[in-house]
Amino acid sequence: MEGYNYGMIGLGVMGRNLLYNIADNGFSVAGFDLDEEKVKQLHSDATSEMKIKGTGSLAEFVEALEAPRKIILMVPAGKPVDAVLENISPLLSKGDIVIDAGNSYFKDTDRRISGMASKGLHFMGIGVSGGEKGARKGPSIMPGGDSEAFSLLKPMLESIAAKVEGEACTAYMGKGSAGNYVKMVHNGIEYAIMQLISEAYDLLKRGVDLSNDELYEVFREWNNGEMNSFLIEITRDIFKQKDSLGNSDLLDQILDKAGAKGTGKWTSEQAMEIGVSIPTIDIAVTSRILSAYKDERIQASELYADKEIITPEDKELFIREVGEALYLSTLISYAQGLALLIKASEEYDFGIPLKDVVKIWRGGCIIRSLLLEKFYAAYTQNPELTNILLDKDISELVKSKIKSLRKTAAFAVTNGIPSLGLQTALGYFDAYTTKSLPVNLIQAQRDYFGAHTYQRIDREGVFHTVWNSTNQ
């Protein structure tokens, strides 16, 4: 028998579903996992049409693959990836390809590319978004790295990826660890949008006392219009979910402490490192951290007086304005993440094609939304666009909704309803669209106490002043 086309190491839910997806599209796949139960489940859940082989022997697994071997890793990021590479490298031959499909840190991927190349092996990092269902039925796939290896993988990736208007939601993201970097920023944007949706939910619940059934109807209407997106869609469904352990809605029984796996934090750290402003993504990460202070928040809520909510006079108008505020703040979150990709592409020489990034995010991934069609049109018209907010058509869209964002943020502030995401989105927009910021005073202060120098608006050069002290 000829060797299997692809290999999959890691047969958890994501790995198994991705393997089945590959097999469904006409490729033969061998799977490996040290857990015998997962190997058994691989076979028991497979269809008779699939050409698959599961094994718990790494040597048998490698031997089963055709040359050049193409092996996909779906294991936890960090040390597990290095452990797999250490164990498998001696069994591989020159020209074989190893693909890390997990959420690995991009600098780890760069290190692994160099290490594997020294052994004559190709290594690629690819981002995969869409969760368990996406992996099975069609994710958004963000491959980066070795272009020679990518050319061999391209037919398979295009076959298994989600499709939008017949186009596969995968494209080459650039050199080195570009694929992991794009996925990292995707997840940062995801953090921001989830934070913004949670704030909109809170405003509607506390501001106009909407029930979960009413919230379902609001989000259903939003998803049927210009706000159509995966995250709005699943939020709609969450409001209808009943608690299997009781008689209430499940959402009302879930503790308000958010988890995180690190990609949001990496995005914020990266933005700080290379000098890009992404405050809405930053605050989404911070808000999850703050949510963990549950005991302290309970104490603080008892220490300070209850916040009295002044109910808006026009309920339907308020709901519409919250929707427009959510839409615009979501757009601004995308703008921040895309601006980070532009700067990172220059900083690390990735060569990331922004048009292709927004193109493949239109389907399969967690942050897919109708809004991305507008971004795709903008980058198609001007691939050199440095910030999506500078596009004329996008600016008209922003101007049509900015009043609602201001009113919604003001309502939240006035009534003491937490709205860190909405406020930072608005603050970013106001700062980005202001010709003269008050940081001239900051530069004066820095020069005053630390002789850090400053530049002038009326002449070239760098200046320092011995500042007069009044001591009064």
Protein backbone atom coordinates (compact mmCIF):
# COMPACT_ATOMS: atom_id res chain seq x y z
CA MET A 1 0.00 0.00 0.00
CA GLU A 2 1.15 3.54 -0.74
CA GLY A 3 1.93 5.77 2.21
CA TYR A 4 -0.68 8.01 3.83
CA ASN A 5 -0.79 11.59 2.51
CA TYR A 6 -0.80 13.33 5.89
CA GLY A 7 -0.07 12.60 9.52
CA MET A 8 -1.77 14.06 12.61
CA ILE A 9 -0.10 14.06 16.02
CA GLY A 10 -2.59 14.78 18.80
CA LEU A 11 -6.02 13.14 18.56
CA GLY A 12 -7.97 15.27 20.98
CA VAL A 13 -11.21 16.82 19.76
CA MET A 14 -9.51 19.47 17.59
CA GLY A 15 -6.93 17.09 16.12
CA ARG A 16 -9.45 14.34 15.46
CA ASN A 17 -11.95 16.71 13.83
CA LEU A 18 -9.28 18.25 11.62
CA LEU A 19 -8.12 14.77 10.63
CA TYR A 20 -11.67 13.79 9.67
CA ASN A 21 -12.01 16.99 7.66
CA ILE A 22 -8.84 16.15 5.73
CA ALA A 23 -10.05 12.58 5.15
CA ASP A 24 -13.47 13.80 3.99
CA ASN A 25 -11.73 15.75 1.25
CA GLY A 26 -10.10 12.72 -0.32
CA PHE A 27 -6.76 12.57 1.49
CA SER A 28 -5.50 9.60 3.48
CA VAL A 29 -4.41 10.40 7.03
CA ALA A 30 -2.48 8.57 9.75
CA GLY A 31 -3.05 9.64 13.34
CA PHE A 32 -0.86 9.26 16.42
CA ASP A 33 -1.59 9.69 20.12
CA LEU A 34 -0.09 8.12 23.22
CA ASP A 35 -3.61 7.79 24.65
CA GLU A 36 -4.94 4.44 23.42
CA GLU A 37 -8.55 5.52 24.01
CA LYS A 38 -8.14 8.44 21.62
CA VAL A 39 -6.70 6.12 18.98
CA LYS A 40 -9.68 3.79 19.42
CA GLN A 41 -12.12 6.68 19.22
CA LEU A 42 -10.48 7.85 16.00
CA HIS A 43 -11.47 4.56 14.37
CA SER A 44 -14.86 4.16 16.03
CA ASP A 45 -16.11 7.63 15.01
CA ALA A 46 -14.77 7.46 11.44
CA THR A 47 -16.92 6.73 8.40
CA SER A 48 -16.24 3.78 6.13
CA GLU A 49 -15.21 6.12 3.28
CA MET A 50 -12.31 7.61 5.24
CA LYS A 51 -8.79 6.33 4.61
CA ILE A 52 -7.28 6.64 8.08
CA LYS A 53 -4.93 4.77 10.36
CA GLY A 54 -4.52 5.36 14.08
CA THR A 55 -1.55 4.20 16.12
CA GLY A 56 0.16 4.70 19.45
CA SER A 57 3.58 3.96 18.00
CA LEU A 58 5.52 6.97 16.75
CA ALA A 59 7.81 4.82 14.59
CA GLU A 60 4.86 3.05 12.99
CA PHE A 61 3.17 6.40 12.43
CA VAL A 62 6.18 7.92 10.66
CA GLU A 63 6.76 4.78 8.60
CA ALA A 64 3.15 4.89 7.35
CA LEU A 65 3.53 8.30 5.67
CA GLU A 66 4.45 8.97 2.04
CA ALA A 67 7.51 11.08 1.20
CA PRO A 68 7.95 13.91 1.75
CA ARG A 69 6.14 13.37 5.02
CA LYS A 70 3.64 16.06 5.97
CA ILE A 71 2.88 15.95 9.68
CA ILE A 72 0.45 18.22 11.50
CA LEU A 73 0.82 18.82 15.25
CA MET A 74 -2.33 19.55 17.23
CA VAL A 75 -0.87 19.57 20.72
CA PRO A 76 -0.81 22.22 23.47
CA ALA A 77 1.52 25.15 22.83
CA GLY A 78 4.87 25.42 24.59
CA LYS A 79 6.91 22.49 25.91
CA PRO A 80 4.66 19.78 24.41
CA VAL A 81 5.51 21.00 20.90
CA ASP A 82 9.24 20.92 21.63
CA ALA A 83 8.90 17.45 23.13
CA VAL A 84 7.18 16.14 20.00
CA LEU A 85 9.84 17.67 17.75
CA GLU A 86 12.61 16.15 19.83
CA ASN A 87 11.03 12.70 19.61
CA ILE A 88 10.08 12.76 15.97
CA SER A 89 13.02 14.53 14.33
CA PRO A 90 15.36 11.48 14.40
CA LEU A 91 12.68 9.48 12.53
CA LEU A 92 12.25 11.98 9.69
CA SER A 93 14.08 12.40 6.40
CA LYS A 94 15.42 15.46 4.65
CA GLY A 95 12.62 17.48 3.06
CA ASP A 96 9.88 16.28 5.43
CA ILE A 97 7.44 18.93 6.67
CA VAL A 98 6.15 19.45 10.20
CA ILE A 99 3.22 21.85 10.68
CA ASP A 100 2.30 23.27 14.11
CA ALA A 101 -1.44 24.00 14.04
CA GLY A 102 -1.73 25.06 17.68
CA ASN A 103 -1.68 28.52 19.25
CA SER A 104 2.11 28.70 19.58
CA TYR A 105 3.90 31.93 20.42
CA PHE A 106 5.39 33.30 17.22
CA LYS A 107 8.93 33.61 18.60
CA ASP A 108 8.85 29.93 19.56
CA THR A 109 7.91 29.16 15.96
CA ASP A 110 10.85 31.20 14.66
CA ARG A 111 13.17 29.22 16.92
CA ARG A 112 11.72 25.91 15.76
CA ILE A 113 11.98 26.89 12.09
CA SER A 114 15.72 27.46 12.54
CA GLY A 115 16.22 24.30 14.56
CA MET A 116 14.40 22.07 12.09
CA ALA A 117 16.08 23.72 9.08
CA SER A 118 19.48 22.79 10.52
CA LYS A 119 18.35 19.17 10.21
CA GLY A 120 17.13 19.57 6.64
CA LEU A 121 13.46 19.64 7.74
CA HIS A 122 10.72 22.15 6.98
CA PHE A 123 8.70 23.61 9.84
CA MET A 124 5.61 25.80 9.53
CA GLY A 125 3.29 27.50 11.98
CA ILE A 126 -0.33 27.84 10.91
CA GLY A 127 -3.22 29.47 12.71
CA VAL A 128 -6.50 27.55 12.74
CA SER A 129 -9.68 29.26 13.89
CA GLY A 130 -13.22 28.00 14.15
CA GLY A 131 -13.26 25.80 17.22
CA GLU A 132 -14.28 22.15 17.16
CA LYS A 133 -17.01 22.60 14.55
CA GLY A 134 -14.76 24.68 12.34
CA ALA A 135 -12.03 22.05 12.44
CA ARG A 136 -14.55 19.44 11.34
CA LYS A 137 -16.50 21.35 8.72
CA GLY A 138 -14.18 24.14 7.57
CA PRO A 139 -11.99 26.51 9.59
CA SER A 140 -10.17 29.68 8.64
CA ILE A 141 -6.54 28.68 8.15
CA MET A 142 -3.59 31.07 8.43
CA PRO A 143 -0.39 29.41 7.16
CA GLY A 144 2.96 31.13 7.24
CA GLY A 145 6.60 30.26 6.79
CA ASP A 146 8.38 28.14 4.23
CA SER A 147 6.86 28.99 0.82
CA GLU A 148 8.18 25.75 -0.69
CA ALA A 149 6.44 23.69 1.95
CA PHE A 150 3.29 25.80 1.64
CA SER A 151 3.05 25.00 -2.08
CA LEU A 152 2.85 21.30 -1.19
CA LEU A 153 0.20 21.89 1.48
CA LYS A 154 -1.90 24.39 -0.46
CA PRO A 155 -4.25 21.90 -2.21
CA MET A 156 -5.14 20.24 1.09
CA LEU A 157 -5.54 23.52 2.99
CA GLU A 158 -7.83 24.96 0.32
CA SER A 159 -9.90 21.77 0.35
CA ILE A 160 -10.53 21.70 4.09
CA ALA A 161 -10.93 25.46 4.72
CA ALA A 162 -14.27 27.23 5.02
CA LYS A 163 -15.60 28.72 1.79
CA VAL A 164 -17.07 32.17 1.17
CA GLU A 165 -18.58 32.69 -2.27
CA GLY A 166 -16.58 29.71 -3.48
CA GLU A 167 -13.28 31.07 -2.19
CA ALA A 168 -11.28 29.11 0.38
CA CYS A 169 -10.66 30.89 3.69
CA THR A 170 -6.93 30.26 3.62
CA ALA A 171 -4.00 32.10 2.06
CA TYR A 172 -0.27 32.45 2.57
CA MET A 173 0.24 34.88 5.45
CA GLY A 174 3.94 35.59 4.97
CA LYS A 175 7.41 34.50 5.95
CA GLY A 176 8.64 32.95 9.18
CA SER A 177 6.06 32.86 11.97
CA ALA A 178 3.57 35.12 10.16
CA GLY A 179 0.80 32.53 10.44
CA ASN A 180 1.07 32.32 14.22
CA TYR A 181 1.29 36.11 14.47
CA VAL A 182 -1.87 36.64 12.42
CA LYS A 183 -3.71 34.06 14.56
CA MET A 184 -2.46 35.76 17.73
CA VAL A 185 -3.86 39.11 16.60
CA HIS A 186 -7.08 37.37 15.49
CA ASN A 187 -7.45 36.16 19.07
CA GLY A 188 -6.70 39.63 20.44
CA ILE A 189 -9.51 41.07 18.33
CA GLU A 190 -11.69 38.21 19.51
CA TYR A 191 -11.03 39.23 23.14
CA ALA A 192 -12.07 42.80 22.35
CA ILE A 193 -15.29 41.88 20.55
CA MET A 194 -16.34 39.48 23.30
CA GLN A 195 -15.74 42.20 25.90
CA LEU A 196 -17.80 44.69 23.89
CA ILE A 197 -20.67 42.25 23.44
CA SER A 198 -20.70 41.54 27.18
CA GLU A 199 -20.92 45.27 27.87
CA ALA A 200 -23.79 45.69 25.42
CA TYR A 201 -25.57 42.80 27.15
CA ASP A 202 -25.02 44.45 30.55
CA LEU A 203 -26.32 47.81 29.31
CA LEU A 204 -29.48 46.26 27.87
CA LYS A 205 -30.08 44.15 30.95
CA ARG A 206 -29.48 46.83 33.57
CA GLY A 207 -30.35 49.86 31.49
CA VAL A 208 -33.79 48.78 30.25
CA ASP A 209 -34.28 45.53 32.20
CA LEU A 210 -34.46 43.20 29.19
CA SER A 211 -35.16 39.55 29.97
CA ASN A 212 -33.12 36.79 28.36
CA ASP A 213 -35.99 36.13 25.95
CA GLU A 214 -36.00 39.80 24.97
CA LEU A 215 -32.22 39.80 24.65
CA TYR A 216 -32.53 36.80 22.34
CA GLU A 217 -34.86 38.79 20.08
CA VAL A 218 -32.53 41.82 20.06
CA PHE A 219 -29.48 39.76 19.16
CA ARG A 220 -31.48 37.78 16.60
CA GLU A 221 -32.47 41.02 14.89
CA TRP A 222 -28.90 42.33 15.04
CA ASN A 223 -27.56 39.11 13.53
CA ASN A 224 -30.10 39.31 10.71
CA GLY A 225 -28.76 42.73 9.71
CA GLU A 226 -25.44 44.49 9.27
CA MET A 227 -24.11 43.11 12.56
CA ASN A 228 -24.23 39.53 11.29
CA SER A 229 -21.29 37.63 12.79
CA PHE A 230 -20.40 34.38 14.51
CA LEU A 231 -20.08 35.96 17.96
CA ILE A 232 -23.42 37.77 17.73
CA GLU A 233 -25.00 34.54 16.49
CA ILE A 234 -23.77 32.39 19.36
CA THR A 235 -24.63 35.13 21.88
CA ARG A 236 -28.20 35.04 20.55
CA ASP A 237 -28.35 31.28 21.16
CA ILE A 238 -26.85 31.53 24.65
CA PHE A 239 -29.86 33.53 25.86
CA LYS A 240 -32.15 30.59 25.01
CA GLN A 241 -30.11 27.87 26.71
CA LYS A 242 -31.85 26.31 29.72
CA ASP A 243 -29.94 24.95 32.71
CA SER A 244 -29.96 21.14 32.74
CA LEU A 245 -29.21 21.22 36.49
CA GLY A 246 -32.09 23.55 37.39
CA ASN A 247 -35.11 25.44 36.13
CA SER A 248 -33.44 28.74 35.20
CA ASP A 249 -31.58 30.00 32.14
CA LEU A 250 -28.04 28.65 32.11
CA LEU A 251 -26.44 32.07 31.56
CA ASP A 252 -27.78 33.30 34.91
CA GLN A 253 -26.01 30.46 36.72
CA ILE A 254 -22.54 31.03 35.23
CA LEU A 255 -19.97 32.67 37.51
CA ASP A 256 -18.67 36.03 36.29
CA LYS A 257 -14.98 35.08 36.20
CA ALA A 258 -13.54 34.88 32.68
CA GLY A 259 -10.80 32.49 31.66
CA ALA A 260 -7.96 33.13 29.23
CA LYS A 261 -5.25 31.07 27.50
CA GLY A 262 -2.64 33.74 26.81
CA THR A 263 -3.03 34.85 23.20
CA GLY A 264 -4.77 38.06 24.21
CA LYS A 265 -1.93 38.90 26.60
CA TRP A 266 0.63 38.14 23.89
CA THR A 267 -1.16 40.56 21.56
CA SER A 268 -1.03 43.34 24.13
CA GLU A 269 2.61 42.65 24.94
CA GLN A 270 3.52 42.69 21.27
CA ALA A 271 1.75 45.98 20.68
CA MET A 272 3.68 47.54 23.55
CA GLU A 273 6.95 46.08 22.28
CA ILE A 274 6.70 47.43 18.73
CA GLY A 275 4.74 50.59 19.53
CA VAL A 276 1.16 50.17 18.33
CA SER A 277 -1.90 51.52 20.17
CA ILE A 278 -4.55 48.81 20.72
CA PRO A 279 -6.34 50.02 23.88
CA THR A 280 -9.61 48.15 23.32
CA ILE A 281 -7.77 44.85 23.01
CA ASP A 282 -5.62 45.76 26.03
CA ILE A 283 -8.65 46.58 28.16
CA ALA A 284 -10.37 43.34 27.16
CA VAL A 285 -7.39 41.42 28.55
CA THR A 286 -7.38 43.61 31.68
CA SER A 287 -11.12 43.14 32.17
CA ARG A 288 -10.75 39.37 32.26
CA ILE A 289 -8.06 39.77 34.90
CA LEU A 290 -10.29 42.14 36.89
CA SER A 291 -13.16 39.66 36.72
CA ALA A 292 -11.05 37.23 38.74
CA TYR A 293 -11.14 39.62 41.74
CA LYS A 294 -14.59 38.27 42.61
CA ASP A 295 -14.25 38.36 46.40
CA GLU A 296 -12.82 41.88 46.35
CA ARG A 297 -15.55 43.04 43.98
CA ILE A 298 -18.19 41.72 46.36
CA GLN A 299 -16.56 43.60 49.26
CA ALA A 300 -16.30 46.78 47.21
CA SER A 301 -19.93 46.56 46.09
CA GLU A 302 -20.99 46.38 49.75
CA LEU A 303 -18.66 49.21 50.76
CA TYR A 304 -19.92 51.64 48.14
CA ALA A 305 -23.53 52.68 47.65
CA ASP A 306 -25.67 50.86 45.10
CA LYS A 307 -25.66 52.50 41.71
CA GLU A 308 -29.01 53.95 40.75
CA ILE A 309 -29.88 53.42 37.10
CA ILE A 310 -31.82 56.17 35.34
CA THR A 311 -33.90 54.28 32.79
CA PRO A 312 -33.89 55.82 29.29
CA GLU A 313 -37.21 57.34 28.24
CA ASP A 314 -37.19 55.73 24.78
CA LYS A 315 -36.44 52.02 25.20
CA GLU A 316 -36.37 51.17 21.48
CA LEU A 317 -34.08 54.11 20.69
CA PHE A 318 -31.72 53.03 23.47
CA ILE A 319 -31.55 49.47 22.12
CA ARG A 320 -30.78 50.79 18.62
CA GLU A 321 -28.07 53.11 19.95
CA VAL A 322 -26.43 50.31 21.96
CA GLY A 323 -26.41 48.20 18.79
CA GLU A 324 -24.77 50.95 16.77
CA ALA A 325 -22.26 51.56 19.57
CA LEU A 326 -21.39 47.86 19.60
CA TYR A 327 -21.02 47.82 15.81
CA LEU A 328 -18.71 50.83 15.75
CA SER A 329 -16.59 49.78 18.72
CA THR A 330 -16.20 46.38 17.07
CA LEU A 331 -15.03 48.09 13.88
CA ILE A 332 -12.52 50.11 15.91
CA SER A 333 -11.23 46.90 17.53
CA TYR A 334 -10.58 45.41 14.10
CA ALA A 335 -8.83 48.66 13.11
CA GLN A 336 -6.46 48.35 16.08
CA GLY A 337 -5.63 44.71 15.38
CA LEU A 338 -5.06 45.29 11.67
CA ALA A 339 -2.81 48.27 12.46
CA LEU A 340 -0.73 45.95 14.65
CA LEU A 341 -0.38 43.47 11.77
CA ILE A 342 0.83 46.24 9.47
CA LYS A 343 3.51 47.35 11.92
CA ALA A 344 4.55 43.78 12.77
CA SER A 345 4.87 42.93 9.09
CA GLU A 346 7.41 45.73 8.74
CA GLU A 347 9.14 45.02 12.06
CA TYR A 348 9.65 41.30 11.43
CA ASP A 349 9.72 41.32 7.61
CA PHE A 350 6.72 39.00 7.45
CA GLY A 351 5.20 40.44 4.27
CA ILE A 352 1.66 39.96 5.60
CA PRO A 353 -0.98 40.69 2.90
CA LEU A 354 -3.76 42.57 4.74
CA LYS A 355 -6.23 42.04 1.92
CA ASP A 356 -5.82 38.27 2.23
CA VAL A 357 -6.03 38.41 6.03
CA VAL A 358 -9.47 40.02 6.04
CA LYS A 359 -10.49 37.83 3.11
CA ILE A 360 -9.85 34.58 4.95
CA TRP A 361 -11.37 35.90 8.19
CA ARG A 362 -14.73 36.27 6.41
CA GLY A 363 -15.59 32.61 7.01
CA GLY A 364 -14.76 29.76 9.35
CA CYS A 365 -13.12 31.77 12.13
CA ILE A 366 -14.45 33.05 15.45
CA ILE A 367 -14.29 36.73 14.40
CA ARG A 368 -15.98 36.23 11.04
CA SER A 369 -18.52 38.96 10.33
CA LEU A 370 -20.27 40.80 7.54
CA LEU A 371 -18.15 43.84 8.42
CA LEU A 372 -15.07 42.12 7.00
CA GLU A 373 -16.57 42.40 3.51
CA LYS A 374 -16.21 46.17 3.83
CA PHE A 375 -12.59 45.80 4.96
CA TYR A 376 -11.87 43.46 2.05
CA ALA A 377 -13.24 46.05 -0.37
CA ALA A 378 -11.10 48.77 1.27
CA TYR A 379 -7.85 46.78 1.11
CA THR A 380 -8.62 45.63 -2.44
CA GLN A 381 -8.89 49.26 -3.48
CA ASN A 382 -5.86 50.37 -1.43
CA PRO A 383 -3.53 47.54 -0.25
CA GLU A 384 -1.22 50.16 1.36
CA LEU A 385 -3.90 51.47 3.74
CA THR A 386 -2.19 51.96 7.12
CA ASN A 387 -5.39 52.07 9.18
CA ILE A 388 -8.86 50.99 8.11
CA LEU A 389 -10.25 54.21 9.64
CA LEU A 390 -8.51 56.16 6.86
CA ASP A 391 -10.70 54.57 4.17
CA LYS A 392 -13.31 57.01 2.84
CA ASP A 393 -16.19 54.51 2.75
CA ILE A 394 -15.36 53.27 6.24
CA SER A 395 -15.22 56.87 7.47
CA GLU A 396 -18.79 57.46 6.25
CA LEU A 397 -19.90 54.36 8.12
CA VAL A 398 -18.13 55.54 11.28
CA LYS A 399 -19.64 59.01 11.09
CA SER A 400 -23.14 57.51 10.84
CA LYS A 401 -22.72 55.72 14.18
CA ILE A 402 -20.35 57.78 16.28
CA LYS A 403 -23.17 59.71 17.97
CA SER A 404 -24.65 56.45 19.26
CA LEU A 405 -21.29 55.35 20.66
CA ARG A 406 -20.93 58.68 22.48
CA LYS A 407 -24.45 58.51 23.92
CA THR A 408 -24.07 54.88 24.98
CA ALA A 409 -20.71 55.46 26.65
CA ALA A 410 -22.11 58.54 28.40
CA PHE A 411 -25.11 56.58 29.66
CA ALA A 412 -22.83 53.87 31.04
CA VAL A 413 -20.55 56.38 32.78
CA THR A 414 -23.45 58.39 34.21
CA ASN A 415 -25.11 55.28 35.62
CA GLY A 416 -21.98 53.52 36.86
CA ILE A 417 -22.27 50.58 34.46
CA PRO A 418 -18.79 49.21 33.62
CA SER A 419 -17.98 49.93 29.97
CA LEU A 420 -14.21 49.80 29.69
CA GLY A 421 -14.30 48.44 26.15
CA LEU A 422 -16.75 50.98 24.79
CA GLN A 423 -14.90 53.84 26.47
CA THR A 424 -11.48 52.84 25.16
CA ALA A 425 -12.85 52.33 21.65
CA LEU A 426 -14.29 55.84 21.77
CA GLY A 427 -11.12 57.26 23.35
CA TYR A 428 -8.96 55.66 20.67
CA PHE A 429 -11.16 57.09 17.93
CA ASP A 430 -11.11 60.57 19.43
CA ALA A 431 -7.33 60.51 19.90
CA TYR A 432 -6.66 59.06 16.45
CA THR A 433 -8.84 61.69 14.77
CA THR A 434 -7.46 64.68 16.74
CA LYS A 435 -4.92 66.81 14.90
CA SER A 436 -3.21 68.18 18.02
CA LEU A 437 -2.97 66.14 21.21
CA PRO A 438 -1.95 67.57 24.61
CA VAL A 439 1.21 65.46 24.75
CA ASN A 440 3.24 68.60 24.05
CA LEU A 441 2.79 69.17 27.81
CA ILE A 442 4.07 65.64 28.53
CA GLN A 443 7.16 66.33 26.44
CA ALA A 444 7.72 69.57 28.36
CA GLN A 445 7.39 67.69 31.67
CA ARG A 446 9.84 64.99 30.51
CA ASP A 447 12.37 67.59 29.48
CA TYR A 448 11.86 69.54 32.74
CA PHE A 449 12.59 66.64 35.11
CA GLY A 450 14.79 64.42 32.97
CA ALA A 451 16.29 66.47 30.13
CA HIS A 452 14.66 64.06 27.66
CA THR A 453 14.49 66.78 24.96
CA TYR A 454 11.64 67.65 22.65
CA GLN A 455 10.92 68.62 19.05
CA ARG A 456 9.32 71.88 17.92
CA ILE A 457 6.51 72.62 15.47
CA ASP A 458 8.24 75.65 13.96
CA ARG A 459 11.72 74.29 13.17
CA GLU A 460 13.72 71.07 12.72
CA GLY A 461 15.96 69.57 15.37
CA VAL A 462 15.96 68.29 18.93
CA PHE A 463 15.85 70.80 21.80
CA HIS A 464 16.39 70.98 25.55
CA THR A 465 15.46 73.82 27.86
CA VAL A 466 16.68 74.74 31.33
CA TRP A 467 13.26 75.33 32.79
CA ASN A 468 12.58 78.18 35.20
CA SER A 469 11.35 77.17 38.65
CA THR A 470 9.07 79.63 40.44
CA ASN A 471 9.08 77.69 43.78
CA GLN A 472 5.86 79.38 44.80
